[in-house]
C-alpha atoms as a PDB file:
ATOM      1  CA  MET A   1    -105.330-145.720 -96.378  1.00  0.00           C
ATOM      2  CA  GLU A   2    -106.417-149.188 -97.373  1.00  0.00           C
ATOM      3  CA  THR A   3    -104.590-151.244 -99.972  1.00  0.00           C
ATOM      4  CA  TYR A   4    -104.265-149.636-103.374  1.00  0.00           C
ATOM      5  CA  TYR A   5    -102.159-150.127-106.481  1.00  0.00           C
ATOM      6  CA  ALA A   6     -99.807-148.156-108.704  1.00  0.00           C
ATOM      7  CA  VAL A   7     -99.306-148.695-112.419  1.00  0.00           C
ATOM      8  CA  ILE A   8     -95.862-147.443-113.413  1.00  0.00           C
ATOM      9  CA  PHE A   9     -95.573-146.734-117.136  1.00  0.00           C
ATOM     10  CA  THR A  10     -92.050-145.875-118.313  1.00  0.00           C
ATOM     11  CA  SER A  11     -91.600-145.007-121.968  1.00  0.00           C
ATOM     12  CA  GLN A  12     -89.296-143.625-124.601  1.00  0.00           C
ATOM     13  CA  ARG A  13     -90.998-141.396-127.162  1.00  0.00           C
ATOM     14  CA  THR A  14     -90.238-141.431-130.860  1.00  0.00           C
ATOM     15  CA  LYS A  15     -89.802-138.189-132.803  1.00  0.00           C
ATOM     16  CA  GLN A  16     -93.398-138.305-134.138  1.00  0.00           C
ATOM     17  CA  ASP A  17     -94.740-135.607-131.801  1.00  0.00           C
ATOM     18  CA  GLY A  18     -96.806-133.892-134.454  1.00  0.00           C
ATOM     19  CA  GLU A  19     -99.020-136.884-135.113  1.00  0.00           C
ATOM     20  CA  GLY A  20    -101.723-136.476-132.486  1.00  0.00           C
ATOM     21  CA  TYR A  21     -99.861-137.580-129.369  1.00  0.00           C
ATOM     22  CA  GLY A  22    -100.704-134.530-127.240  1.00  0.00           C
ATOM     23  CA  LYS A  23    -104.392-134.659-128.102  1.00  0.00           C
ATOM     24  CA  MET A  24    -104.583-138.394-127.404  1.00  0.00           C
ATOM     25  CA  ALA A  25    -102.643-138.031-124.131  1.00  0.00           C
ATOM     26  CA  ASP A  26    -105.104-135.369-122.929  1.00  0.00           C
ATOM     27  CA  LEU A  27    -108.080-137.525-123.942  1.00  0.00           C
ATOM     28  CA  ILE A  28    -106.720-140.626-122.214  1.00  0.00           C
ATOM     29  CA  ASP A  29    -105.853-138.693-119.064  1.00  0.00           C
ATOM     30  CA  ALA A  30    -109.381-137.269-118.836  1.00  0.00           C
ATOM     31  CA  LEU A  31    -110.937-140.655-119.589  1.00  0.00           C
ATOM     32  CA  ALA A  32    -108.832-142.448-116.952  1.00  0.00           C
ATOM     33  CA  GLN A  33    -109.985-139.972-114.324  1.00  0.00           C
ATOM     34  CA  GLN A  34    -113.598-140.987-115.039  1.00  0.00           C
ATOM     35  CA  GLN A  35    -112.935-144.703-114.549  1.00  0.00           C
ATOM     36  CA  PRO A  36    -114.275-146.474-111.456  1.00  0.00           C
ATOM     37  CA  GLY A  37    -111.402-147.117-109.063  1.00  0.00           C
ATOM     38  CA  PHE A  38    -109.124-144.337-110.376  1.00  0.00           C
ATOM     39  CA  LEU A  39    -107.378-142.399-107.599  1.00  0.00           C
ATOM     40  CA  ARG A  40    -104.831-140.069-109.236  1.00  0.00           C
ATOM     41  CA  VAL A  41    -102.038-139.796-111.806  1.00  0.00           C
ATOM     42  CA  GLU A  42     -98.596-138.168-111.914  1.00  0.00           C
ATOM     43  CA  SER A  43     -96.449-137.849-115.026  1.00  0.00           C
ATOM     44  CA  VAL A  44     -93.080-136.428-116.102  1.00  0.00           C
ATOM     45  CA  ARG A  45     -91.050-136.487-119.324  1.00  0.00           C
ATOM     46  CA  ASN A  46     -87.548-135.188-119.999  1.00  0.00           C
ATOM     47  CA  GLU A  47     -86.204-133.434-123.087  1.00  0.00           C
ATOM     48  CA  GLU A  48     -84.868-136.712-124.506  1.00  0.00           C
ATOM     49  CA  GLY A  49     -88.388-138.181-124.495  1.00  0.00           C
ATOM     50  CA  LYS A  50     -88.026-140.504-121.498  1.00  0.00           C
ATOM     51  CA  GLY A  51     -91.221-140.459-119.463  1.00  0.00           C
ATOM     52  CA  ILE A  52     -92.694-141.930-116.311  1.00  0.00           C
ATOM     53  CA  THR A  53     -96.404-141.947-115.566  1.00  0.00           C
ATOM     54  CA  VAL A  54     -97.747-143.441-112.360  1.00  0.00           C
ATOM     55  CA  SER A  55    -101.477-143.957-112.017  1.00  0.00           C
ATOM     56  CA  TYR A  56    -103.051-145.067-108.753  1.00  0.00           C
ATOM     57  CA  TRP A  57    -106.033-147.411-108.519  1.00  0.00           C
ATOM     58  CA  GLU A  58    -108.257-148.920-105.842  1.00  0.00           C
ATOM     59  CA  SER A  59    -108.030-152.498-107.168  1.00  0.00           C
ATOM     60  CA  LEU A  60    -106.492-154.851-109.693  1.00  0.00           C
ATOM     61  CA  GLU A  61    -109.945-155.185-111.253  1.00  0.00           C
ATOM     62  CA  ALA A  62    -110.073-151.417-111.854  1.00  0.00           C
ATOM     63  CA  ILE A  63    -106.644-151.584-113.507  1.00  0.00           C
ATOM     64  CA  GLN A  64    -107.761-154.420-115.776  1.00  0.00           C
ATOM     65  CA  ALA A  65    -110.971-152.604-116.710  1.00  0.00           C
ATOM     66  CA  TRP A  66    -108.901-149.538-117.658  1.00  0.00           C
ATOM     67  CA  LYS A  67    -106.463-151.670-119.693  1.00  0.00           C
ATOM     68  CA  ASP A  68    -109.439-153.161-121.567  1.00  0.00           C
ATOM     69  CA  ASN A  69    -111.180-149.803-122.215  1.00  0.00           C
ATOM     70  CA  ALA A  70    -111.785-149.480-125.981  1.00  0.00           C
ATOM     71  CA  LYS A  71    -110.372-145.945-126.322  1.00  0.00           C
ATOM     72  CA  HIS A  72    -107.389-146.889-124.181  1.00  0.00           C
ATOM     73  CA  LEU A  73    -106.796-149.944-126.418  1.00  0.00           C
ATOM     74  CA  THR A  74    -106.731-147.609-129.442  1.00  0.00           C
ATOM     75  CA  ALA A  75    -104.205-145.360-127.702  1.00  0.00           C
ATOM     76  CA  GLN A  76    -102.080-148.373-126.754  1.00  0.00           C
ATOM     77  CA  GLN A  77    -101.944-149.517-130.386  1.00  0.00           C
ATOM     78  CA  LEU A  78    -101.068-146.032-131.653  1.00  0.00           C
ATOM     79  CA  GLY A  79     -98.358-145.865-129.002  1.00  0.00           C
ATOM     80  CA  GLN A  80     -96.811-149.080-130.280  1.00  0.00           C
ATOM     81  CA  ASP A  81     -97.183-148.079-133.926  1.00  0.00           C
ATOM     82  CA  LYS A  82     -96.086-144.422-133.745  1.00  0.00           C
ATOM     83  CA  TRP A  83     -95.291-142.762-130.429  1.00  0.00           C
ATOM     84  CA  TYR A  84     -93.036-145.068-128.398  1.00  0.00           C
ATOM     85  CA  SER A  85     -89.805-146.815-129.279  1.00  0.00           C
ATOM     86  CA  ASN A  86     -90.241-148.837-126.070  1.00  0.00           C
ATOM     87  CA  TYR A  87     -92.229-148.927-122.866  1.00  0.00           C
ATOM     88  CA  LYS A  88     -92.631-150.977-119.719  1.00  0.00           C
ATOM     89  CA  VAL A  89     -95.619-151.385-117.390  1.00  0.00           C
ATOM     90  CA  GLU A  90     -95.225-152.427-113.768  1.00  0.00           C
ATOM     91  CA  ILE A  91     -98.088-152.934-111.319  1.00  0.00           C
ATOM     92  CA  CYS A  92     -97.315-152.578-107.625  1.00  0.00           C
ATOM     93  CA  GLN A  93     -99.341-152.974-104.469  1.00  0.00           C
ATOM     94  CA  MET A  94     -98.828-150.135-102.023  1.00  0.00           C
ATOM     95  CA  ILE A  95     -97.923-151.407 -98.595  1.00  0.00           C
ATOM     96  CA  LYS A  96     -97.141-148.058 -97.019  1.00  0.00           C
ATOM     97  CA  ASP A  97     -97.134-144.405 -97.913  1.00  0.00           C
ATOM     98  CA  TYR A  98     -96.208-141.219 -96.123  1.00  0.00           C
ATOM     99  CA  SER A  99     -95.425-137.652 -97.101  1.00  0.00           C
ATOM    100  CA  PHE A 100     -94.044-134.336 -96.009  1.00  0.00           C
ATOM    101  CA  VAL A 101     -95.464-130.944 -96.981  1.00  0.00           C
ATOM    102  CA  LYS A 102     -93.985-127.644 -95.883  1.00  0.00           C
END
């Protein structure tokens, strides 16, 4: 595979689950998958609210376009205001990948 990028989003949720988070997360996930340059996404969250989402993109330009998407900007602001006590975003260039499937 040619060069591609991963955006690693680690977060700690607040206790405000009932305030639209699930609906917004589903909307943002579906919207991201429609963006030019999107490859795939994987996400996990534990019972204490710690989560890791990794989205994969064809280019840095595709990542920036997604970051600047108006609906994504709304979700980012709501995340800061209500849903996350903290988060971190890291962008990595993939230099190698391999897998095993049984």
